[in-house]
Amino acid sequence: MGGQLVAGALKRCRHKFEVVAFPSTSSDAIRELKASDPQVALISAQLQDGPLTGFKVLHELRVSQMRTAAVMLLDTLERDLVIDAFRAGARGVFSRTQPLRALSKCIRSVHQGQIWIGNNELEHLLQLITQLRPPQLIRPEQMALLTEREKQVVRMVAEGMNNREIAVKMDVSEHTVRNYIFRIFEKVGVSNRVELVLYALSRPES
């Protein structure tokens, strides 16, 4: 669902949403949010300036203490992304695989102060209670601890590939990929793949 498609669908909705803008980059989105101060912001996780850069917008929305309620638009409702979205301040998550007609109900629910989340995603959040630890910043010397194979996994995660796609690319099982990612998290001191991706994007390999 591209920005124009979503905007057009919402404008035609019987609830008559007023669509303010559909920016394509994280910097454009942050600027539009501050300028228009919408009641609800639908933020795509993947913008033109990179995979998962929508999380930068969500973070900026949270730290700016705006009253805008955010819905994170994800390609799929993967456990880690769902958890990261709510940790970053989202009031709901919506998948591109879900029917577009359900999006208006999602937006209205969030606007009314409710949380939009499915049972499976709620289970992810409940599991997090026993696992959550404070987010950490990655230091350059920590990245040097990674093996070449682990660096390859980091590059593919930064490209927006999920565990299954990485497993196919590397000709290993998804379980092996999860083990790689777990070891990477332990070595570089992060707690989720969004922190890892944003660091990798900000410090490209030479």
Protein backbone atom coordinates (compact mmCIF):
# COMPACT_ATOMS: atom_id res chain seq x y z
CA MET A 1 0.00 0.00 0.00
CA GLY A 2 1.65 3.19 -1.14
CA GLY A 3 1.00 6.56 0.47
CA GLN A 4 -1.31 7.76 -2.29
CA LEU A 5 -3.30 4.51 -2.26
CA VAL A 6 -3.84 4.71 1.49
CA ALA A 7 -4.68 8.41 1.34
CA GLY A 8 -7.19 7.85 -1.45
CA ALA A 9 -8.87 4.98 0.39
CA LEU A 10 -9.19 6.97 3.60
CA LYS A 11 -10.59 10.01 1.80
CA ARG A 12 -13.29 7.80 0.24
CA CYS A 13 -14.12 6.21 3.58
CA ARG A 14 -17.58 6.95 4.97
CA HIS A 15 -15.99 8.30 8.13
CA LYS A 16 -14.49 11.13 6.05
CA PHE A 17 -10.91 11.22 7.27
CA GLU A 18 -8.95 14.35 6.50
CA VAL A 19 -5.60 13.22 5.12
CA VAL A 20 -2.94 15.84 5.77
CA ALA A 21 0.07 14.45 3.88
CA PHE A 22 1.84 11.30 2.72
CA PRO A 23 5.60 12.09 2.90
CA SER A 24 8.08 9.58 1.48
CA THR A 25 11.12 10.04 3.74
CA SER A 26 11.62 10.13 7.50
CA SER A 27 12.76 13.76 7.49
CA ASP A 28 9.71 14.79 5.44
CA ALA A 29 7.44 12.86 7.79
CA ILE A 30 8.92 14.47 10.91
CA ARG A 31 8.55 17.92 9.35
CA GLU A 32 4.93 17.28 8.36
CA LEU A 33 4.05 15.96 11.81
CA LYS A 34 5.42 19.06 13.51
CA ALA A 35 3.73 21.37 11.02
CA SER A 36 0.26 19.79 10.93
CA ASP A 37 -0.01 18.13 14.38
CA PRO A 38 -2.51 15.45 13.24
CA GLN A 39 -4.70 13.53 15.66
CA VAL A 40 -3.47 10.18 14.32
CA ALA A 41 -0.32 9.44 12.33
CA LEU A 42 -0.08 6.33 10.16
CA ILE A 43 3.66 5.70 9.85
CA SER A 44 5.13 3.17 7.45
CA ALA A 45 8.10 1.28 8.88
CA GLN A 46 9.82 1.38 5.50
CA LEU A 47 10.31 4.78 3.87
CA GLN A 48 12.31 5.84 0.85
CA ASP A 49 15.41 6.60 2.91
CA GLY A 50 15.73 3.02 4.13
CA PRO A 51 14.12 0.00 5.76
CA LEU A 52 12.75 0.59 9.26
CA THR A 53 13.45 4.33 9.09
CA GLY A 54 9.80 4.86 10.00
CA PHE A 55 10.88 3.96 13.53
CA LYS A 56 12.95 7.16 13.55
CA VAL A 57 9.73 9.07 12.91
CA LEU A 58 7.96 7.19 15.68
CA HIS A 59 10.81 7.93 18.09
CA GLU A 60 10.80 11.63 17.17
CA LEU A 61 7.04 11.77 17.70
CA ARG A 62 7.46 10.30 21.15
CA VAL A 63 10.34 12.51 22.34
CA SER A 64 8.64 15.64 21.01
CA GLN A 65 5.71 14.89 23.37
CA MET A 66 3.16 15.64 20.68
CA ARG A 67 -0.37 14.45 21.36
CA THR A 68 -0.56 12.67 18.00
CA ALA A 69 -1.41 8.97 18.38
CA ALA A 70 0.68 6.75 16.10
CA VAL A 71 -0.16 3.60 14.15
CA MET A 72 2.83 1.73 12.74
CA LEU A 73 2.30 0.22 9.28
CA LEU A 74 4.36 -2.97 8.94
CA ASP A 75 4.95 -5.31 6.01
CA THR A 76 4.22 -8.26 8.31
CA LEU A 77 3.41 -8.55 11.98
CA GLU A 78 6.74 -10.08 12.95
CA ARG A 79 7.25 -10.45 16.69
CA ASP A 80 10.32 -8.21 16.98
CA LEU A 81 8.85 -5.41 14.87
CA VAL A 82 5.56 -5.44 16.75
CA ILE A 83 7.38 -5.25 20.08
CA ASP A 84 9.68 -2.46 18.85
CA ALA A 85 6.72 -0.47 17.53
CA PHE A 86 4.95 -0.48 20.89
CA ARG A 87 8.19 0.15 22.78
CA ALA A 88 8.72 3.22 20.60
CA GLY A 89 5.29 4.58 21.46
CA ALA A 90 2.88 3.24 18.82
CA ARG A 91 -0.75 2.92 19.89
CA GLY A 92 -1.45 0.34 17.24
CA VAL A 93 0.12 -1.83 14.55
CA PHE A 94 -1.37 -2.58 11.15
CA SER A 95 -0.03 -4.99 8.54
CA ARG A 96 -0.01 -4.46 4.78
CA THR A 97 -1.34 -8.01 4.54
CA GLN A 98 -4.55 -7.03 6.34
CA PRO A 99 -7.63 -5.81 4.43
CA LEU A 100 -7.47 -2.11 3.66
CA ARG A 101 -11.05 -1.67 4.86
CA ALA A 102 -9.89 -2.59 8.39
CA LEU A 103 -7.51 0.37 8.43
CA SER A 104 -10.29 2.90 9.02
CA LYS A 105 -11.47 0.93 12.06
CA CYS A 106 -7.88 0.83 13.33
CA ILE A 107 -7.47 4.59 12.99
CA ARG A 108 -10.82 5.33 14.64
CA SER A 109 -10.02 3.00 17.55
CA VAL A 110 -6.65 4.63 18.16
CA HIS A 111 -8.21 8.09 17.87
CA GLN A 112 -10.69 7.10 20.58
CA GLY A 113 -7.83 6.22 22.92
CA GLN A 114 -7.85 2.47 22.37
CA ILE A 115 -4.95 0.16 21.51
CA TRP A 116 -5.12 -1.64 18.16
CA ILE A 117 -3.52 -5.05 18.49
CA GLY A 118 -4.38 -8.64 17.60
CA ASN A 119 -4.27 -11.59 19.98
CA ASN A 120 -1.03 -12.94 18.54
CA GLU A 121 0.67 -9.57 18.84
CA LEU A 122 -0.63 -9.16 22.40
CA GLU A 123 0.97 -12.48 23.23
CA HIS A 124 4.29 -11.12 21.96
CA LEU A 125 4.03 -8.19 24.35
CA LEU A 126 3.16 -10.43 27.28
CA GLN A 127 6.22 -12.58 26.57
CA LEU A 128 8.34 -9.44 26.54
CA ILE A 129 7.61 -8.71 30.19
CA THR A 130 10.01 -11.45 31.31
CA GLN A 131 12.65 -10.66 28.68
CA LEU A 132 12.83 -6.89 28.38
CA ARG A 133 16.05 -5.13 29.20
CA PRO A 134 17.03 -1.46 28.76
CA PRO A 135 18.12 -0.56 25.19
CA GLN A 136 21.83 -0.14 24.67
CA LEU A 137 23.90 1.96 22.29
CA ILE A 138 26.37 0.18 20.03
CA ARG A 139 29.99 1.26 20.23
CA PRO A 140 32.28 0.87 17.19
CA GLU A 141 34.59 -1.53 19.03
CA GLN A 142 31.65 -3.82 19.68
CA MET A 143 30.97 -4.22 15.95
CA ALA A 144 34.60 -5.35 15.57
CA LEU A 145 33.75 -8.38 17.73
CA LEU A 146 31.51 -9.81 15.01
CA THR A 147 32.62 -12.61 12.71
CA GLU A 148 32.35 -12.14 8.95
CA ARG A 149 29.29 -14.39 8.96
CA GLU A 150 27.64 -12.26 11.65
CA LYS A 151 28.46 -9.07 9.75
CA GLN A 152 26.76 -10.64 6.73
CA VAL A 153 23.64 -11.18 8.84
CA VAL A 154 23.76 -7.55 10.03
CA ARG A 155 23.92 -6.33 6.41
CA MET A 156 20.91 -8.43 5.43
CA VAL A 157 18.92 -7.29 8.47
CA ALA A 158 19.76 -3.69 7.52
CA GLU A 159 18.40 -4.39 4.02
CA GLY A 160 15.05 -5.23 5.59
CA MET A 161 15.24 -9.01 5.16
CA ASN A 162 13.36 -11.16 7.66
CA ASN A 163 14.72 -14.34 9.26
CA ARG A 164 13.26 -16.61 6.61
CA GLU A 165 14.75 -14.60 3.74
CA ILE A 166 18.13 -14.52 5.48
CA ALA A 167 17.97 -18.28 6.01
CA VAL A 168 17.33 -18.87 2.30
CA LYS A 169 20.12 -16.50 1.29
CA MET A 170 22.63 -18.15 3.62
CA ASP A 171 21.33 -21.68 3.01
CA VAL A 172 20.76 -22.33 6.71
CA SER A 173 17.71 -22.87 8.92
CA GLU A 174 15.67 -20.06 10.49
CA HIS A 175 16.74 -21.44 13.87
CA THR A 176 20.37 -20.86 12.90
CA VAL A 177 19.57 -17.30 11.83
CA ARG A 178 17.87 -16.63 15.17
CA ASN A 179 20.97 -17.92 16.94
CA TYR A 180 23.17 -15.63 14.84
CA ILE A 181 21.01 -12.63 15.69
CA PHE A 182 20.94 -13.52 19.38
CA ARG A 183 24.76 -13.72 19.45
CA ILE A 184 25.01 -10.40 17.57
CA PHE A 185 22.71 -8.74 20.11
CA GLU A 186 24.86 -10.10 22.94
CA LYS A 187 28.14 -8.98 21.35
CA VAL A 188 27.12 -5.45 20.41
CA GLY A 189 24.85 -4.86 23.40
CA VAL A 190 21.46 -4.18 21.79
CA SER A 191 18.07 -5.61 22.63
CA ASN A 192 16.28 -5.48 19.26
CA ARG A 193 16.88 -5.47 15.53
CA VAL A 194 15.68 -1.90 15.03
CA GLU A 195 18.57 -0.56 17.13
CA LEU A 196 20.90 -2.77 15.09
CA VAL A 197 19.49 -1.58 11.75
CA LEU A 198 19.59 2.11 12.62
CA TYR A 199 23.18 1.79 13.77
CA ALA A 200 24.16 -0.09 10.61
CA LEU A 201 22.49 2.56 8.45
CA SER A 202 24.27 5.38 10.27
CA ARG A 203 27.69 3.69 10.03
CA PRO A 204 27.95 1.99 6.62
CA GLU A 205 30.89 -0.31 6.09
CA SER A 206 33.73 1.06 4.02
